[in-house]
Amino acid sequence: MRLALLALASHVSLTPRTAAADALGECTAELDARGVQWAKASRPGIAHAVEIKGPLGGVLLASADQPLVIDCSLAVSLAESGRYLRALGIERATFSSAYSRRNVRGTNRPSKHSFGLAIDVHTFTGADLGTLRVDKDYEQGLGNDVDCLGAPLTQGGAVLKVMQCQLVRSGLFHLVLSPDYDDAHHDHFHLEALPWADRQALRAEAQAIH
């Protein structure tokens, strides 16, 4: 598992972009380049809303009660990060919240969900993995800034921790929050991207805040 983490970490290529480019056209061109099926959407608060019609990076993101409508910037990050999930045997994931007009808990600040820039993912499924649940299979308190992985005790815990480390270090996300962050995230990963106009490259040089 540690070798898989190191192998995946070696893929850190950057895609340059310029602030002067047409943000929506440039962003959706990145989706097209990755074979993502999408349709233009409209939601209050989302700068460049798209409805995702199929897998992102080979991983199907599904919800029981809502379509996947998010900002194009988050969609590109999810599509690009699909390689990490697939390498771990993940084929499908479920989310409970993507676009949602609400404030950050305990504050008057709008959540990034209000802008389609965040998604909460609860389960990960693969033919050889079965279904991993963040609330049951994620092992808290592992790893540090030097050794992100630590020493998981179970296969499910190792898969989720490797995935978290990859997403944090990929530069594709601004925030990757797990049950280690606080009690409000006890059962999901919160993945958050910057607006497309604020991204100087597809992959930022700095690791995600987590």
N, C-alpha and C. Protein backbone atom coordinates (compact mmCIF):
# COMPACT_ATOMS: atom_id res chain seq x y z
N MET A 1 0.83 -1.20 0.00
CA MET A 1 0.00 0.00 0.00
C MET A 1 0.86 1.25 0.00
N ARG A 2 1.97 1.25 0.79
CA ARG A 2 2.86 2.40 0.83
C ARG A 2 3.52 2.61 -0.53
N LEU A 3 3.89 1.50 -1.22
CA LEU A 3 4.47 1.63 -2.55
C LEU A 3 3.48 2.25 -3.52
N ALA A 4 2.21 1.86 -3.38
CA ALA A 4 1.19 2.44 -4.25
C ALA A 4 1.09 3.94 -4.03
N LEU A 5 1.20 4.36 -2.78
CA LEU A 5 1.14 5.79 -2.46
C LEU A 5 2.29 6.52 -3.09
N LEU A 6 3.50 5.97 -2.98
CA LEU A 6 4.66 6.63 -3.54
C LEU A 6 4.59 6.68 -5.06
N ALA A 7 4.11 5.60 -5.67
CA ALA A 7 4.00 5.57 -7.13
C ALA A 7 3.03 6.62 -7.63
N LEU A 8 1.90 6.74 -6.97
CA LEU A 8 0.91 7.73 -7.38
C LEU A 8 1.42 9.13 -7.15
N ALA A 9 2.19 9.34 -6.10
CA ALA A 9 2.68 10.67 -5.78
C ALA A 9 3.63 11.19 -6.84
N SER A 10 4.21 10.32 -7.66
CA SER A 10 5.16 10.76 -8.67
C SER A 10 4.50 11.49 -9.82
N HIS A 11 3.17 11.38 -9.96
CA HIS A 11 2.48 12.05 -11.05
C HIS A 11 1.99 13.41 -10.56
N VAL A 12 2.80 14.46 -10.83
CA VAL A 12 2.46 15.79 -10.33
C VAL A 12 2.56 16.82 -11.45
N SER A 13 2.27 16.45 -12.68
CA SER A 13 2.39 17.37 -13.80
C SER A 13 1.42 18.53 -13.66
N LEU A 14 1.81 19.70 -14.15
CA LEU A 14 1.00 20.90 -14.07
C LEU A 14 0.43 21.25 -15.43
N THR A 15 -0.76 21.81 -15.44
CA THR A 15 -1.36 22.34 -16.65
C THR A 15 -1.43 23.85 -16.52
N PRO A 16 -0.57 24.61 -17.23
CA PRO A 16 -0.58 26.07 -17.07
C PRO A 16 -1.89 26.66 -17.55
N ARG A 17 -2.27 27.81 -16.97
CA ARG A 17 -3.45 28.52 -17.41
C ARG A 17 -3.22 30.01 -17.18
N THR A 18 -3.97 30.85 -17.85
CA THR A 18 -3.83 32.29 -17.70
C THR A 18 -5.16 32.88 -17.26
N ALA A 19 -5.08 33.92 -16.42
CA ALA A 19 -6.28 34.55 -15.89
C ALA A 19 -7.08 35.22 -16.98
N ALA A 20 -6.43 35.57 -18.09
CA ALA A 20 -7.11 36.29 -19.16
C ALA A 20 -8.00 35.39 -20.02
N ALA A 21 -7.83 34.08 -19.87
CA ALA A 21 -8.60 33.15 -20.71
C ALA A 21 -10.07 33.17 -20.32
N ASP A 22 -10.93 32.76 -21.26
CA ASP A 22 -12.36 32.62 -20.98
C ASP A 22 -12.52 31.50 -19.96
N ALA A 23 -12.90 31.86 -18.71
CA ALA A 23 -12.87 30.90 -17.61
C ALA A 23 -13.75 29.69 -17.86
N LEU A 24 -15.01 29.91 -18.27
CA LEU A 24 -15.90 28.78 -18.45
C LEU A 24 -15.45 27.93 -19.63
N GLY A 25 -15.11 28.57 -20.75
CA GLY A 25 -14.68 27.80 -21.92
C GLY A 25 -13.42 27.01 -21.66
N GLU A 26 -12.47 27.61 -20.95
CA GLU A 26 -11.23 26.91 -20.64
C GLU A 26 -11.49 25.74 -19.70
N CYS A 27 -12.35 25.97 -18.70
CA CYS A 27 -12.63 24.94 -17.71
C CYS A 27 -13.37 23.76 -18.34
N THR A 28 -14.39 24.05 -19.12
CA THR A 28 -15.14 22.95 -19.73
C THR A 28 -14.31 22.22 -20.78
N ALA A 29 -13.35 22.93 -21.38
CA ALA A 29 -12.43 22.25 -22.30
C ALA A 29 -11.60 21.20 -21.56
N GLU A 30 -11.28 21.49 -20.29
CA GLU A 30 -10.57 20.49 -19.48
C GLU A 30 -11.46 19.28 -19.21
N LEU A 31 -12.75 19.51 -18.98
CA LEU A 31 -13.67 18.39 -18.82
C LEU A 31 -13.74 17.56 -20.10
N ASP A 32 -13.86 18.24 -21.24
CA ASP A 32 -13.93 17.53 -22.52
C ASP A 32 -12.67 16.70 -22.76
N ALA A 33 -11.53 17.26 -22.40
CA ALA A 33 -10.26 16.56 -22.62
C ALA A 33 -10.19 15.28 -21.80
N ARG A 34 -10.95 15.21 -20.74
CA ARG A 34 -10.96 14.02 -19.88
C ARG A 34 -12.15 13.12 -20.16
N GLY A 35 -12.89 13.42 -21.20
CA GLY A 35 -14.02 12.58 -21.59
C GLY A 35 -15.20 12.64 -20.64
N VAL A 36 -15.34 13.73 -19.89
CA VAL A 36 -16.44 13.86 -18.93
C VAL A 36 -17.72 14.24 -19.66
N GLN A 37 -18.81 13.55 -19.35
CA GLN A 37 -20.12 13.90 -19.89
C GLN A 37 -20.77 14.93 -18.97
N TRP A 38 -21.07 16.10 -19.53
CA TRP A 38 -21.60 17.18 -18.72
C TRP A 38 -22.61 17.99 -19.52
N ALA A 39 -23.42 18.76 -18.80
CA ALA A 39 -24.36 19.68 -19.43
C ALA A 39 -24.30 20.99 -18.66
N LYS A 40 -24.47 22.09 -19.36
CA LYS A 40 -24.48 23.38 -18.71
C LYS A 40 -25.69 23.46 -17.78
N ALA A 41 -25.48 24.02 -16.59
CA ALA A 41 -26.54 24.13 -15.61
C ALA A 41 -26.58 25.56 -15.07
N SER A 42 -27.56 25.83 -14.25
CA SER A 42 -27.67 27.16 -13.65
C SER A 42 -28.18 27.00 -12.23
N ARG A 43 -27.42 27.50 -11.27
CA ARG A 43 -27.81 27.50 -9.87
C ARG A 43 -27.36 28.82 -9.26
N PRO A 44 -28.19 29.44 -8.40
CA PRO A 44 -27.77 30.66 -7.72
C PRO A 44 -26.47 30.43 -6.94
N GLY A 45 -25.49 31.28 -7.16
CA GLY A 45 -24.24 31.19 -6.42
C GLY A 45 -23.12 30.47 -7.15
N ILE A 46 -23.43 29.60 -8.12
CA ILE A 46 -22.38 28.88 -8.83
C ILE A 46 -21.94 29.69 -10.05
N ALA A 47 -20.66 30.02 -10.11
CA ALA A 47 -20.15 30.84 -11.21
C ALA A 47 -20.22 30.11 -12.54
N HIS A 48 -19.79 28.84 -12.56
CA HIS A 48 -19.75 28.06 -13.80
C HIS A 48 -20.35 26.68 -13.51
N ALA A 49 -21.69 26.63 -13.48
CA ALA A 49 -22.39 25.42 -13.06
C ALA A 49 -22.44 24.39 -14.19
N VAL A 50 -22.14 23.14 -13.85
CA VAL A 50 -22.26 22.03 -14.78
C VAL A 50 -22.96 20.88 -14.07
N GLU A 51 -23.76 20.13 -14.80
CA GLU A 51 -24.35 18.90 -14.28
C GLU A 51 -23.59 17.73 -14.87
N ILE A 52 -23.04 16.91 -14.01
CA ILE A 52 -22.23 15.77 -14.44
C ILE A 52 -23.15 14.60 -14.77
N LYS A 53 -22.98 14.04 -15.96
CA LYS A 53 -23.88 13.00 -16.47
C LYS A 53 -23.27 11.60 -16.45
N GLY A 54 -22.03 11.48 -16.02
CA GLY A 54 -21.38 10.17 -16.02
C GLY A 54 -20.21 10.16 -15.05
N PRO A 55 -19.31 9.20 -15.17
CA PRO A 55 -18.17 9.10 -14.25
C PRO A 55 -17.23 10.30 -14.36
N LEU A 56 -16.52 10.55 -13.28
CA LEU A 56 -15.46 11.55 -13.25
C LEU A 56 -14.14 10.83 -13.03
N GLY A 57 -13.29 10.86 -14.02
CA GLY A 57 -12.03 10.13 -13.89
C GLY A 57 -12.23 8.64 -13.74
N GLY A 58 -13.32 8.12 -14.30
CA GLY A 58 -13.59 6.69 -14.21
C GLY A 58 -14.30 6.27 -12.95
N VAL A 59 -14.67 7.22 -12.10
CA VAL A 59 -15.37 6.91 -10.85
C VAL A 59 -16.74 7.56 -10.88
N LEU A 60 -17.77 6.77 -10.65
CA LEU A 60 -19.13 7.29 -10.64
C LEU A 60 -19.46 7.86 -9.26
N LEU A 61 -19.85 9.14 -9.23
CA LEU A 61 -20.28 9.79 -8.00
C LEU A 61 -21.79 9.88 -8.00
N ALA A 62 -22.43 9.26 -7.03
CA ALA A 62 -23.89 9.16 -7.03
C ALA A 62 -24.47 9.60 -5.71
N SER A 63 -25.72 10.06 -5.77
CA SER A 63 -26.47 10.44 -4.58
C SER A 63 -27.86 9.86 -4.68
N ALA A 64 -28.47 9.60 -3.54
CA ALA A 64 -29.82 9.03 -3.54
C ALA A 64 -30.87 10.06 -3.92
N ASP A 65 -30.58 11.35 -3.76
CA ASP A 65 -31.66 12.33 -3.91
C ASP A 65 -31.31 13.60 -4.68
N GLN A 66 -30.15 13.64 -5.35
CA GLN A 66 -29.82 14.86 -6.08
C GLN A 66 -28.88 14.58 -7.23
N PRO A 67 -29.02 15.34 -8.33
CA PRO A 67 -28.03 15.23 -9.41
C PRO A 67 -26.73 15.88 -8.97
N LEU A 68 -25.66 15.58 -9.66
CA LEU A 68 -24.37 16.18 -9.33
C LEU A 68 -24.21 17.47 -10.12
N VAL A 69 -24.61 18.59 -9.50
CA VAL A 69 -24.44 19.91 -10.09
C VAL A 69 -23.42 20.66 -9.25
N ILE A 70 -22.29 21.02 -9.86
CA ILE A 70 -21.19 21.64 -9.15
C ILE A 70 -20.52 22.66 -10.06
N ASP A 71 -19.62 23.44 -9.50
CA ASP A 71 -18.82 24.35 -10.32
C ASP A 71 -17.86 23.53 -11.17
N CYS A 72 -17.62 24.02 -12.38
CA CYS A 72 -16.73 23.32 -13.30
C CYS A 72 -15.35 23.09 -12.68
N SER A 73 -14.88 24.03 -11.87
CA SER A 73 -13.56 23.89 -11.27
C SER A 73 -13.46 22.64 -10.40
N LEU A 74 -14.47 22.41 -9.57
CA LEU A 74 -14.50 21.20 -8.74
C LEU A 74 -14.61 19.96 -9.61
N ALA A 75 -15.40 20.04 -10.67
CA ALA A 75 -15.57 18.88 -11.56
C ALA A 75 -14.23 18.47 -12.18
N VAL A 76 -13.43 19.45 -12.59
CA VAL A 76 -12.12 19.13 -13.17
C VAL A 76 -11.22 18.46 -12.13
N SER A 77 -11.22 18.98 -10.90
CA SER A 77 -10.40 18.38 -9.85
C SER A 77 -10.83 16.94 -9.57
N LEU A 78 -12.12 16.70 -9.52
CA LEU A 78 -12.61 15.34 -9.28
C LEU A 78 -12.27 14.41 -10.44
N ALA A 79 -12.37 14.92 -11.66
CA ALA A 79 -12.04 14.09 -12.82
C ALA A 79 -10.55 13.73 -12.83
N GLU A 80 -9.72 14.71 -12.52
CA GLU A 80 -8.28 14.47 -12.53
C GLU A 80 -7.86 13.54 -11.38
N SER A 81 -8.55 13.64 -10.25
CA SER A 81 -8.18 12.82 -9.09
C SER A 81 -8.73 11.40 -9.17
N GLY A 82 -9.57 11.13 -10.16
CA GLY A 82 -10.12 9.79 -10.29
C GLY A 82 -9.07 8.71 -10.43
N ARG A 83 -7.92 9.06 -10.99
CA ARG A 83 -6.84 8.06 -11.16
C ARG A 83 -6.40 7.47 -9.83
N TYR A 84 -6.40 8.29 -8.78
CA TYR A 84 -5.98 7.81 -7.46
C TYR A 84 -6.98 6.82 -6.90
N LEU A 85 -8.26 7.11 -7.08
CA LEU A 85 -9.30 6.21 -6.58
C LEU A 85 -9.29 4.91 -7.36
N ARG A 86 -9.19 4.99 -8.68
CA ARG A 86 -9.18 3.78 -9.50
C ARG A 86 -8.00 2.88 -9.16
N ALA A 87 -6.85 3.48 -8.92
CA ALA A 87 -5.66 2.69 -8.58
C ALA A 87 -5.83 1.92 -7.28
N LEU A 88 -6.74 2.39 -6.43
CA LEU A 88 -7.03 1.70 -5.17
C LEU A 88 -8.21 0.74 -5.29
N GLY A 89 -8.76 0.60 -6.50
CA GLY A 89 -9.86 -0.32 -6.72
C GLY A 89 -11.23 0.29 -6.52
N ILE A 90 -11.31 1.61 -6.42
CA ILE A 90 -12.59 2.29 -6.20
C ILE A 90 -13.24 2.61 -7.54
N GLU A 91 -14.49 2.21 -7.68
CA GLU A 91 -15.23 2.42 -8.93
C GLU A 91 -16.42 3.34 -8.76
N ARG A 92 -16.90 3.48 -7.53
CA ARG A 92 -18.11 4.25 -7.27
C ARG A 92 -18.01 4.89 -5.89
N ALA A 93 -18.55 6.10 -5.76
CA ALA A 93 -18.59 6.77 -4.47
C ALA A 93 -19.95 7.44 -4.32
N THR A 94 -20.38 7.61 -3.07
CA THR A 94 -21.66 8.27 -2.84
C THR A 94 -21.43 9.57 -2.08
N PHE A 95 -22.22 10.58 -2.44
CA PHE A 95 -22.13 11.86 -1.76
C PHE A 95 -23.50 12.24 -1.22
N SER A 96 -23.50 13.03 -0.15
CA SER A 96 -24.76 13.49 0.43
C SER A 96 -24.99 14.96 0.14
N SER A 97 -23.91 15.68 -0.13
CA SER A 97 -24.04 17.11 -0.32
C SER A 97 -23.00 17.60 -1.30
N ALA A 98 -23.47 18.27 -2.35
CA ALA A 98 -22.58 18.98 -3.26
C ALA A 98 -23.04 20.43 -3.23
N TYR A 99 -23.90 20.83 -4.16
CA TYR A 99 -24.46 22.17 -4.12
C TYR A 99 -25.52 22.25 -3.03
N SER A 100 -25.33 23.20 -2.10
CA SER A 100 -26.29 23.38 -1.01
C SER A 100 -26.10 24.78 -0.44
N ARG A 101 -27.14 25.58 -0.44
CA ARG A 101 -27.07 26.95 0.06
C ARG A 101 -27.13 26.94 1.58
N ARG A 102 -26.00 27.13 2.22
CA ARG A 102 -25.97 27.14 3.68
C ARG A 102 -24.70 27.83 4.15
N ASN A 103 -24.67 28.15 5.45
CA ASN A 103 -23.50 28.76 6.06
C ASN A 103 -22.60 27.70 6.68
N VAL A 104 -21.33 28.06 6.86
CA VAL A 104 -20.43 27.22 7.63
C VAL A 104 -20.99 27.12 9.04
N ARG A 105 -21.00 25.91 9.58
CA ARG A 105 -21.62 25.70 10.90
C ARG A 105 -21.06 26.66 11.94
N GLY A 106 -21.98 27.34 12.65
CA GLY A 106 -21.58 28.24 13.72
C GLY A 106 -21.12 29.60 13.27
N THR A 107 -21.27 29.93 11.99
CA THR A 107 -20.83 31.22 11.47
C THR A 107 -21.91 31.82 10.57
N ASN A 108 -21.65 33.03 10.11
CA ASN A 108 -22.51 33.68 9.12
C ASN A 108 -21.88 33.65 7.73
N ARG A 109 -20.80 32.88 7.56
CA ARG A 109 -20.10 32.79 6.28
C ARG A 109 -20.71 31.70 5.41
N PRO A 110 -21.00 32.01 4.15
CA PRO A 110 -21.53 30.98 3.26
C PRO A 110 -20.54 29.83 3.10
N SER A 111 -21.02 28.62 3.17
CA SER A 111 -20.21 27.45 2.88
C SER A 111 -19.84 27.42 1.40
N LYS A 112 -18.71 26.81 1.08
CA LYS A 112 -18.33 26.65 -0.31
C LYS A 112 -19.30 25.74 -1.07
N HIS A 113 -20.09 24.97 -0.34
CA HIS A 113 -21.17 24.22 -0.98
C HIS A 113 -22.15 25.17 -1.67
N SER A 114 -22.29 26.37 -1.12
CA SER A 114 -23.21 27.36 -1.70
C SER A 114 -22.79 27.80 -3.09
N PHE A 115 -21.50 27.60 -3.41
CA PHE A 115 -20.96 28.02 -4.69
C PHE A 115 -20.62 26.82 -5.59
N GLY A 116 -21.02 25.62 -5.16
CA GLY A 116 -20.74 24.43 -5.95
C GLY A 116 -19.28 24.04 -5.97
N LEU A 117 -18.52 24.51 -4.98
CA LEU A 117 -17.07 24.27 -4.95
C LEU A 117 -16.67 23.20 -3.94
N ALA A 118 -17.65 22.53 -3.32
CA ALA A 118 -17.35 21.51 -2.32
C ALA A 118 -18.31 20.34 -2.46
N ILE A 119 -17.82 19.17 -2.04
CA ILE A 119 -18.65 17.97 -2.07
C ILE A 119 -18.28 17.12 -0.86
N ASP A 120 -19.29 16.48 -0.24
CA ASP A 120 -19.09 15.59 0.90
C ASP A 120 -19.31 14.15 0.45
N VAL A 121 -18.28 13.33 0.59
CA VAL A 121 -18.33 11.95 0.09
C VAL A 121 -18.26 10.98 1.26
N HIS A 122 -19.20 10.03 1.29
CA HIS A 122 -19.37 9.16 2.45
C HIS A 122 -18.90 7.72 2.24
N THR A 123 -19.09 7.16 1.06
CA THR A 123 -18.74 5.76 0.84
C THR A 123 -17.97 5.60 -0.46
N PHE A 124 -17.18 4.51 -0.52
CA PHE A 124 -16.36 4.20 -1.69
C PHE A 124 -16.50 2.70 -1.95
N THR A 125 -16.81 2.35 -3.19
CA THR A 125 -17.13 0.96 -3.52
C THR A 125 -16.29 0.47 -4.68
N GLY A 126 -15.85 -0.78 -4.61
CA GLY A 126 -15.13 -1.43 -5.70
C GLY A 126 -15.40 -2.91 -5.67
N ALA A 127 -15.21 -3.58 -6.81
CA ALA A 127 -15.52 -5.00 -6.91
C ALA A 127 -14.74 -5.83 -5.90
N ASP A 128 -13.48 -5.49 -5.66
CA ASP A 128 -12.65 -6.25 -4.73
C ASP A 128 -12.65 -5.67 -3.32
N LEU A 129 -13.18 -4.46 -3.17
CA LEU A 129 -13.16 -3.80 -1.86
C LEU A 129 -14.45 -3.96 -1.10
N GLY A 130 -15.55 -4.19 -1.83
CA GLY A 130 -16.85 -4.03 -1.21
C GLY A 130 -17.11 -2.55 -1.04
N THR A 131 -17.86 -2.18 -0.02
CA THR A 131 -18.15 -0.77 0.24
C THR A 131 -17.47 -0.33 1.53
N LEU A 132 -16.64 0.71 1.41
CA LEU A 132 -15.98 1.29 2.57
C LEU A 132 -16.75 2.52 3.01
N ARG A 133 -17.06 2.60 4.29
CA ARG A 133 -17.77 3.74 4.85
C ARG A 133 -16.82 4.57 5.69
N VAL A 134 -16.82 5.87 5.45
CA VAL A 134 -15.91 6.73 6.20
C VAL A 134 -16.18 6.65 7.69
N ASP A 135 -17.45 6.58 8.09
CA ASP A 135 -17.76 6.57 9.51
C ASP A 135 -17.36 5.27 10.20
N LYS A 136 -17.17 4.19 9.45
CA LYS A 136 -16.82 2.90 10.06
C LYS A 136 -15.40 2.45 9.75
N ASP A 137 -14.90 2.78 8.56
CA ASP A 137 -13.62 2.22 8.10
C ASP A 137 -12.44 3.17 8.20
N TYR A 138 -12.69 4.47 8.29
CA TYR A 138 -11.58 5.42 8.41
C TYR A 138 -10.97 5.31 9.81
N GLU A 139 -9.64 5.18 9.89
CA GLU A 139 -8.94 5.06 11.17
C GLU A 139 -8.34 6.42 11.52
N GLN A 140 -8.85 7.01 12.57
CA GLN A 140 -8.44 8.37 12.94
C GLN A 140 -7.07 8.38 13.61
N GLY A 141 -6.42 9.54 13.51
CA GLY A 141 -5.18 9.79 14.24
C GLY A 141 -3.93 9.24 13.61
N LEU A 142 -3.99 8.80 12.35
CA LEU A 142 -2.83 8.22 11.70
C LEU A 142 -2.03 9.27 10.94
N GLY A 143 -0.72 9.08 10.87
CA GLY A 143 0.13 9.89 10.02
C GLY A 143 0.48 11.24 10.61
N ASN A 144 1.42 11.90 9.92
CA ASN A 144 1.85 13.25 10.31
C ASN A 144 2.36 13.95 9.05
N ASP A 145 2.97 15.12 9.22
CA ASP A 145 3.41 15.88 8.06
C ASP A 145 4.52 15.18 7.29
N VAL A 146 5.29 14.32 7.96
CA VAL A 146 6.38 13.60 7.29
C VAL A 146 5.87 12.30 6.68
N ASP A 147 5.18 11.51 7.48
CA ASP A 147 4.63 10.23 7.04
C ASP A 147 3.11 10.34 7.08
N CYS A 148 2.52 10.70 5.95
CA CYS A 148 1.07 10.92 5.90
C CYS A 148 0.29 9.65 6.23
N LEU A 149 0.80 8.51 5.78
CA LEU A 149 0.04 7.26 5.87
C LEU A 149 -0.06 6.71 7.28
N GLY A 150 1.03 6.68 8.01
CA GLY A 150 1.01 6.03 9.32
C GLY A 150 0.93 4.52 9.17
N ALA A 151 0.27 3.85 10.11
CA ALA A 151 0.20 2.39 10.09
C ALA A 151 -1.24 1.93 10.30
N PRO A 152 -2.06 1.95 9.25
CA PRO A 152 -3.44 1.48 9.37
C PRO A 152 -3.48 0.01 9.77
N LEU A 153 -4.51 -0.36 10.51
CA LEU A 153 -4.65 -1.73 11.00
C LEU A 153 -5.48 -2.61 10.08
N THR A 154 -6.29 -1.99 9.21
CA THR A 154 -7.18 -2.76 8.34
C THR A 154 -6.97 -2.36 6.89
N GLN A 155 -7.39 -3.26 5.98
CA GLN A 155 -7.28 -2.94 4.57
C GLN A 155 -8.13 -1.73 4.22
N GLY A 156 -9.35 -1.68 4.75
CA GLY A 156 -10.22 -0.55 4.47
C GLY A 156 -9.63 0.75 4.97
N GLY A 157 -9.07 0.71 6.18
CA GLY A 157 -8.44 1.90 6.73
C GLY A 157 -7.26 2.35 5.89
N ALA A 158 -6.49 1.39 5.38
CA ALA A 158 -5.34 1.72 4.55
C ALA A 158 -5.77 2.36 3.23
N VAL A 159 -6.81 1.80 2.62
CA VAL A 159 -7.30 2.35 1.35
C VAL A 159 -7.75 3.79 1.54
N LEU A 160 -8.55 4.05 2.57
CA LEU A 160 -9.05 5.40 2.79
C LEU A 160 -7.93 6.37 3.14
N LYS A 161 -6.93 5.91 3.89
CA LYS A 161 -5.84 6.81 4.28
C LYS A 161 -4.95 7.11 3.08
N VAL A 162 -4.64 6.11 2.27
CA VAL A 162 -3.85 6.36 1.06
C VAL A 162 -4.57 7.34 0.16
N MET A 163 -5.88 7.14 0.01
CA MET A 163 -6.66 8.04 -0.82
C MET A 163 -6.59 9.46 -0.27
N GLN A 164 -6.79 9.62 1.02
CA GLN A 164 -6.74 10.95 1.63
C GLN A 164 -5.37 11.59 1.39
N CYS A 165 -4.30 10.84 1.61
CA CYS A 165 -2.96 11.39 1.41
C CYS A 165 -2.76 11.86 -0.03
N GLN A 166 -3.23 11.07 -0.97
CA GLN A 166 -3.08 11.44 -2.38
C GLN A 166 -3.87 12.71 -2.70
N LEU A 167 -5.08 12.79 -2.22
CA LEU A 167 -5.90 13.96 -2.51
C LEU A 167 -5.31 15.22 -1.88
N VAL A 168 -4.79 15.09 -0.66
CA VAL A 168 -4.16 16.23 0.00
C VAL A 168 -2.94 16.69 -0.77
N ARG A 169 -2.10 15.75 -1.18
CA ARG A 169 -0.82 16.09 -1.79
C ARG A 169 -0.89 16.35 -3.29
N SER A 170 -2.04 16.07 -3.90
CA SER A 170 -2.16 16.20 -5.35
C SER A 170 -2.12 17.64 -5.84
N GLY A 171 -2.48 18.60 -4.99
CA GLY A 171 -2.58 19.98 -5.43
C GLY A 171 -3.86 20.30 -6.15
N LEU A 172 -4.76 19.33 -6.24
CA LEU A 172 -6.02 19.52 -6.97
C LEU A 172 -7.10 20.15 -6.11
N PHE A 173 -6.93 20.10 -4.79
CA PHE A 173 -7.97 20.58 -3.88
C PHE A 173 -7.38 21.60 -2.90
N HIS A 174 -8.20 22.56 -2.53
CA HIS A 174 -7.82 23.56 -1.54
C HIS A 174 -8.01 23.02 -0.13
N LEU A 175 -9.06 22.24 0.06
CA LEU A 175 -9.33 21.61 1.35
C LEU A 175 -9.65 20.14 1.15
N VAL A 176 -9.12 19.29 2.03
CA VAL A 176 -9.49 17.88 2.10
C VAL A 176 -9.69 17.58 3.59
N LEU A 177 -10.94 17.61 4.04
CA LEU A 177 -11.23 17.42 5.45
C LEU A 177 -11.77 16.02 5.71
N SER A 178 -11.32 15.42 6.80
CA SER A 178 -11.66 14.04 7.16
C SER A 178 -12.20 14.00 8.58
N PRO A 179 -12.55 12.82 9.09
CA PRO A 179 -12.97 12.73 10.50
C PRO A 179 -11.93 13.26 11.49
N ASP A 180 -10.66 13.32 11.07
CA ASP A 180 -9.63 13.87 11.95
C ASP A 180 -9.79 15.37 12.16
N TYR A 181 -10.53 16.05 11.28
CA TYR A 181 -10.62 17.50 11.35
C TYR A 181 -11.51 17.96 12.51
N ASP A 182 -12.73 17.44 12.57
CA ASP A 182 -13.64 17.75 13.68
C ASP A 182 -14.81 16.78 13.65
N ASP A 183 -15.66 16.86 14.65
CA ASP A 183 -16.79 15.93 14.77
C ASP A 183 -17.80 16.10 13.63
N ALA A 184 -17.88 17.30 13.07
CA ALA A 184 -18.84 17.53 11.99
C ALA A 184 -18.50 16.73 10.74
N HIS A 185 -17.25 16.25 10.66
CA HIS A 185 -16.82 15.47 9.49
C HIS A 185 -16.59 14.00 9.86
N HIS A 186 -17.30 13.51 10.86
CA HIS A 186 -17.06 12.16 11.35
C HIS A 186 -17.41 11.07 10.34
N ASP A 187 -18.25 11.42 9.33
CA ASP A 187 -18.72 10.36 8.42
C ASP A 187 -18.47 10.67 6.95
N HIS A 188 -17.59 11.64 6.65
CA HIS A 188 -17.36 11.96 5.24
C HIS A 188 -16.04 12.68 5.03
N PHE A 189 -15.61 12.69 3.77
CA PHE A 189 -14.53 13.56 3.32
C PHE A 189 -15.16 14.78 2.67
N HIS A 190 -14.69 15.95 3.05
CA HIS A 190 -15.10 17.21 2.43
C HIS A 190 -14.00 17.60 1.45
N LEU A 191 -14.32 17.64 0.16
CA LEU A 191 -13.36 18.01 -0.88
C LEU A 191 -13.76 19.35 -1.45
N GLU A 192 -12.83 20.29 -1.49
CA GLU A 192 -13.15 21.66 -1.88
C GLU A 192 -12.10 22.19 -2.86
N ALA A 193 -12.56 22.80 -3.93
CA ALA A 193 -11.66 23.37 -4.93
C ALA A 193 -11.74 24.89 -4.92
N LEU A 194 -10.70 25.53 -5.41
CA LEU A 194 -10.72 26.98 -5.61
C LEU A 194 -11.54 27.31 -6.85
N PRO A 195 -12.09 28.52 -6.94
CA PRO A 195 -12.72 28.95 -8.19
C PRO A 195 -11.70 28.90 -9.33
N TRP A 196 -12.17 28.63 -10.53
CA TRP A 196 -11.26 28.46 -11.66
C TRP A 196 -10.42 29.72 -11.89
N ALA A 197 -11.01 30.90 -11.71
CA ALA A 197 -10.28 32.14 -11.94
C ALA A 197 -9.14 32.34 -10.94
N ASP A 198 -9.19 31.65 -9.80
CA ASP A 198 -8.15 31.78 -8.78
C ASP A 198 -7.06 30.74 -8.90
N ARG A 199 -7.18 29.84 -9.86
CA ARG A 199 -6.19 28.77 -10.01
C ARG A 199 -5.15 29.16 -11.06
N GLN A 200 -3.92 29.19 -10.63
CA GLN A 200 -2.83 29.52 -11.55
C GLN A 200 -2.39 28.31 -12.37
N ALA A 201 -2.75 27.15 -11.92
CA ALA A 201 -2.43 25.90 -12.61
C ALA A 201 -3.44 24.86 -12.16
N LEU A 202 -3.54 23.79 -12.92
CA LEU A 202 -4.45 22.73 -12.52
C LEU A 202 -4.10 22.19 -11.15
N ARG A 203 -2.82 22.00 -10.92
CA ARG A 203 -2.34 21.50 -9.64
C ARG A 203 -1.55 22.60 -8.94
N ALA A 204 -1.96 22.99 -7.75
CA ALA A 204 -1.23 23.98 -6.98
C ALA A 204 0.04 23.35 -6.41
N GLU A 205 1.05 24.16 -6.20
CA GLU A 205 2.30 23.63 -5.63
C GLU A 205 2.13 23.30 -4.16
N ALA A 206 1.31 24.06 -3.46
CA ALA A 206 1.10 23.80 -2.03
C ALA A 206 0.12 22.66 -1.81
N GLN A 207 0.33 21.89 -0.76
CA GLN A 207 -0.60 20.83 -0.40
C GLN A 207 -1.91 21.43 0.07
N ALA A 208 -2.96 20.65 -0.02
CA ALA A 208 -4.26 21.10 0.46
C ALA A 208 -4.22 21.37 1.95
N ILE A 209 -5.06 22.30 2.40
CA ILE A 209 -5.25 22.50 3.83
C ILE A 209 -6.11 21.34 4.34
N HIS A 210 -5.73 20.74 5.47
CA HIS A 210 -6.51 19.60 5.97
C HIS A 210 -6.44 19.54 7.48
